[in-house]
C-alpha cells in the first residue's frame, strides 16, 4: 500500500525532531544529586549546582567503565577520589571541549551499586573516602552520569583550575548559552528542512 504524501511528511517531521531530542535526565542521577545536596545542607555548606561540562565528562567516563564488575572491591573502596589514570582521558576532554587546565582542582568519583540502588549509591559517597570531597566548601558544581551499575560524580570549583571550562581560542570569550543556542538552531534547521520538503512534494 502506497504511503500518502501527508504521511511521508509526518514521518519525516518525526525523524527530524528525534535527531534533536533533548537529553532526558536520569532518575537515579537526580536522586543522588538531591541526596548529596541534602547532605551538604546538613553540614551548613552551599548546595552544588549542575555543571554541564563536568556532566559531559562524567558521561564519557561512565561509558568507559560500565562493563566493569560491580563488587565490594570496586568503587570508592578501591578508587581514590581523583582519577588521573583513565585511559583516553584527554580524548574525553576533547569530546566535551573541556580545557585540561580547568580540571586540575576537580574531583572524579566513580561508584557502583547493583541496579543503581539509591540508598547504596548515596552511602557510597557520604560514608566513604569520597565524603571528604563532599565536605569541602571549595566545590561548587557537580556533574553526574550513570551507565549500567556505575555512576560517576565529578565535583567542580568556581576557580579557573577547577571549573571544567570549554577550550577557547586566544582572546575568545566562551559562550555560556552555547548548548541552548545549538538546541534552538537544530530545531529551526529541522523545521526549515520539513518546509522545504513539503514545498517540493506538493
Protein backbone atom coordinates (compact mmCIF):
# COMPACT_ATOMS: atom_id res chain seq x y z
CA UNK A 1 0.00 0.00 0.00
CA UNK A 2 1.42 3.35 -1.01
CA UNK A 3 2.13 5.93 1.69
CA UNK A 4 0.43 9.26 1.10
CA UNK A 5 2.43 12.46 0.83
CA UNK A 6 0.93 13.63 4.11
CA UNK A 7 2.13 10.52 5.92
CA UNK A 8 5.57 10.87 4.34
CA UNK A 9 5.76 14.46 5.57
CA UNK A 10 4.63 13.43 9.05
CA UNK A 11 7.21 10.63 9.26
CA UNK A 12 9.98 12.96 8.05
CA UNK A 13 8.99 15.51 10.70
CA UNK A 14 9.15 12.89 13.45
CA UNK A 15 12.53 11.66 12.24
CA UNK A 16 13.92 15.18 12.05
CA UNK A 17 12.75 16.10 15.53
CA UNK A 18 14.01 12.82 17.01
CA UNK A 19 17.53 13.65 15.84
CA UNK A 20 17.46 16.77 18.02
CA UNK A 21 15.56 15.46 21.02
CA UNK A 22 16.66 16.85 24.39
CA UNK A 23 18.59 14.56 26.71
CA UNK A 24 16.26 13.40 29.44
CA UNK A 25 17.62 13.45 32.96
CA UNK A 26 18.10 10.15 34.74
CA UNK A 27 16.04 9.49 37.86
CA UNK A 28 18.95 7.90 39.73
CA UNK A 29 21.18 10.87 38.95
CA UNK A 30 18.57 13.37 40.14
CA UNK A 31 18.01 11.35 43.30
CA UNK A 32 21.74 11.22 44.04
CA UNK A 33 22.14 14.95 43.41
CA UNK A 34 19.29 15.67 45.83
CA UNK A 35 20.81 13.34 48.42
CA UNK A 36 24.26 14.91 48.11
CA UNK A 37 22.84 18.41 48.41
CA UNK A 38 20.76 17.42 51.46
CA UNK A 39 23.95 16.01 52.98
CA UNK A 40 25.76 19.29 52.31
CA UNK A 41 22.89 21.29 53.77
CA UNK A 42 23.17 19.24 56.96
CA UNK A 43 26.79 20.42 57.17
CA UNK A 44 25.71 24.01 56.50
CA UNK A 45 27.54 24.02 53.15
CA UNK A 46 26.26 25.52 49.93
CA UNK A 47 24.45 23.14 47.63
CA UNK A 48 26.16 22.10 44.40
CA UNK A 49 24.86 23.40 41.09
CA UNK A 50 24.93 21.34 37.93
CA UNK A 51 27.99 21.85 35.74
CA UNK A 52 27.18 20.73 32.17
CA UNK A 53 30.80 20.29 31.15
CA UNK A 54 31.53 18.12 34.18
CA UNK A 55 28.37 16.19 33.34
CA UNK A 56 29.65 15.56 29.81
CA UNK A 57 32.95 14.24 31.16
CA UNK A 58 31.07 12.06 33.66
CA UNK A 59 29.13 10.54 30.75
CA UNK A 60 32.35 9.71 28.90
CA UNK A 61 33.84 8.03 31.96
CA UNK A 62 30.63 6.16 32.84
CA UNK A 63 30.51 4.79 29.31
CA UNK A 64 34.10 3.55 29.66
CA UNK A 65 33.62 1.74 32.98
CA UNK A 66 30.05 0.47 32.52
CA UNK A 67 31.17 -3.13 31.91
CA UNK A 68 33.47 -3.36 34.92
CA UNK A 69 32.13 -5.78 37.55
CA UNK A 70 30.44 -4.11 40.50
CA UNK A 71 31.86 -5.86 43.56
CA UNK A 72 32.83 -4.89 47.08
CA UNK A 73 36.35 -4.23 45.79
CA UNK A 74 35.22 -1.72 43.17
CA UNK A 75 34.02 1.82 43.56
CA UNK A 76 35.03 4.09 46.43
CA UNK A 77 36.56 1.27 48.49
CA UNK A 78 39.35 0.84 45.98
CA UNK A 79 39.43 4.04 43.96
CA UNK A 80 40.90 7.30 45.23
CA UNK A 81 38.80 10.41 44.89
CA UNK A 82 40.71 11.77 41.91
CA UNK A 83 41.12 9.62 38.81
CA UNK A 84 44.11 10.79 36.76
CA UNK A 85 44.58 7.36 35.17
CA UNK A 86 41.51 6.85 32.99
CA UNK A 87 42.60 5.54 29.58
CA UNK A 88 41.58 8.05 26.95
CA UNK A 89 41.06 10.85 29.48
CA UNK A 90 42.44 13.53 27.13
CA UNK A 91 40.14 12.25 24.39
CA UNK A 92 37.20 12.60 26.77
CA UNK A 93 38.19 16.21 27.43
CA UNK A 94 38.38 16.85 23.69
CA UNK A 95 34.96 15.26 23.12
CA UNK A 96 33.49 17.54 25.78
CA UNK A 97 35.59 20.52 24.61
CA UNK A 98 37.00 20.99 28.11
CA UNK A 99 40.31 22.71 28.72
CA UNK A 100 42.67 20.33 30.52
CA UNK A 101 43.95 23.14 32.75
CA UNK A 102 40.43 23.71 34.10
CA UNK A 103 40.21 20.18 35.58
CA UNK A 104 43.15 20.20 37.98
CA UNK A 105 41.19 21.12 41.10
CA UNK A 106 38.18 18.95 40.26
CA UNK A 107 37.42 15.52 41.69
CA UNK A 108 36.22 12.48 39.75
CA UNK A 109 34.41 9.92 41.88
CA UNK A 110 33.08 6.70 40.31
CA UNK A 111 30.96 4.31 42.37
CA UNK A 112 28.72 1.34 41.71
CA UNK A 113 25.65 -0.29 43.20
CA UNK A 114 23.55 -3.13 41.84
CA UNK A 115 20.69 -1.65 39.80
CA UNK A 116 21.88 1.78 40.99
CA UNK A 117 20.10 1.37 44.31
CA UNK A 118 19.56 4.92 45.59
CA UNK A 119 20.47 4.24 49.25
CA UNK A 120 23.60 2.29 48.38
CA UNK A 121 24.71 4.98 45.94
CA UNK A 122 24.29 7.81 48.42
CA UNK A 123 26.21 5.95 51.13
CA UNK A 124 28.93 5.21 48.56
CA UNK A 125 29.62 8.94 48.58
CA UNK A 126 28.63 10.15 52.04
CA UNK A 127 30.06 7.20 54.02
CA UNK A 128 33.30 6.58 52.17
CA UNK A 129 36.55 8.38 51.47
CA UNK A 130 34.56 10.49 49.00
CA UNK A 131 32.86 12.35 51.84
CA UNK A 132 35.97 14.48 52.41
CA UNK A 133 35.29 15.98 48.99
CA UNK A 134 31.58 16.48 49.70
CA UNK A 135 32.56 18.17 52.98
CA UNK A 136 34.86 20.61 51.19
CA UNK A 137 33.40 24.08 50.66
CA UNK A 138 35.69 24.77 47.68
CA UNK A 139 33.45 22.60 45.49
CA UNK A 140 30.53 24.49 44.00
CA UNK A 141 29.45 22.45 40.98
CA UNK A 142 28.64 18.87 40.10
CA UNK A 143 28.28 16.64 37.05
CA UNK A 144 26.66 13.21 37.29
CA UNK A 145 26.23 10.38 34.77
CA UNK A 146 25.36 6.71 35.08
CA UNK A 147 25.56 3.59 32.96
CA UNK A 148 24.63 0.05 33.99
CA UNK A 149 25.52 -0.31 37.70
CA UNK A 150 28.01 2.56 37.64
CA UNK A 151 27.60 6.22 38.43
CA UNK A 152 30.25 8.92 38.10
CA UNK A 153 30.19 12.14 40.11
CA UNK A 154 32.51 15.00 39.21
CA UNK A 155 32.92 17.96 41.53
CA UNK A 156 33.99 21.34 40.16
CA UNK A 157 35.09 24.62 41.68
CA UNK A 158 34.48 28.21 40.64
CA UNK A 159 38.21 28.75 40.06
CA UNK A 160 39.94 28.67 36.68
CA UNK A 161 41.68 25.39 37.56
CA UNK A 162 38.57 23.50 38.61
CA UNK A 163 35.64 24.90 36.65
CA UNK A 164 35.80 22.49 33.66
CA UNK A 165 35.55 25.43 31.26
CA UNK A 166 35.45 24.95 27.49
CA UNK A 167 38.52 25.14 25.27
CA UNK A 168 38.71 28.62 23.78
CA UNK A 169 40.86 30.30 21.20
CA UNK A 170 43.11 33.04 22.48
CA UNK A 171 41.04 36.08 23.35
CA UNK A 172 37.74 34.30 22.75
CA UNK A 173 35.12 34.54 25.47
CA UNK A 174 33.26 31.22 25.95
CA UNK A 175 29.53 31.34 25.32
CA UNK A 176 27.60 30.34 28.42
CA UNK A 177 24.43 29.57 26.47
CA UNK A 178 26.02 27.62 23.62
CA UNK A 179 24.01 24.48 24.39
CA UNK A 180 20.77 26.46 24.26
CA UNK A 181 21.81 28.14 21.02
CA UNK A 182 22.69 24.77 19.49
CA UNK A 183 19.32 23.35 20.51
CA UNK A 184 17.39 26.26 19.05
CA UNK A 185 19.41 26.21 15.83
CA UNK A 186 18.82 22.48 15.49
CA UNK A 187 15.06 22.81 15.85
CA UNK A 188 14.94 25.75 13.43
CA UNK A 189 17.01 23.88 10.85
CA UNK A 190 14.75 20.84 11.24
CA UNK A 191 11.64 22.94 10.63
CA UNK A 192 13.22 24.53 7.55
CA UNK A 193 14.04 21.10 6.15
CA UNK A 194 10.44 19.97 6.67
CA UNK A 195 9.08 23.12 4.98
CA UNK A 196 11.42 22.71 2.01
CA UNK A 197 10.49 19.06 1.69
CA UNK A 198 6.76 19.80 1.77
CA UNK A 199 7.22 22.63 -0.78
CA UNK A 200 8.80 20.27 -3.30
CA UNK A 201 6.43 17.41 -2.56
CA UNK A 202 3.20 19.36 -3.10
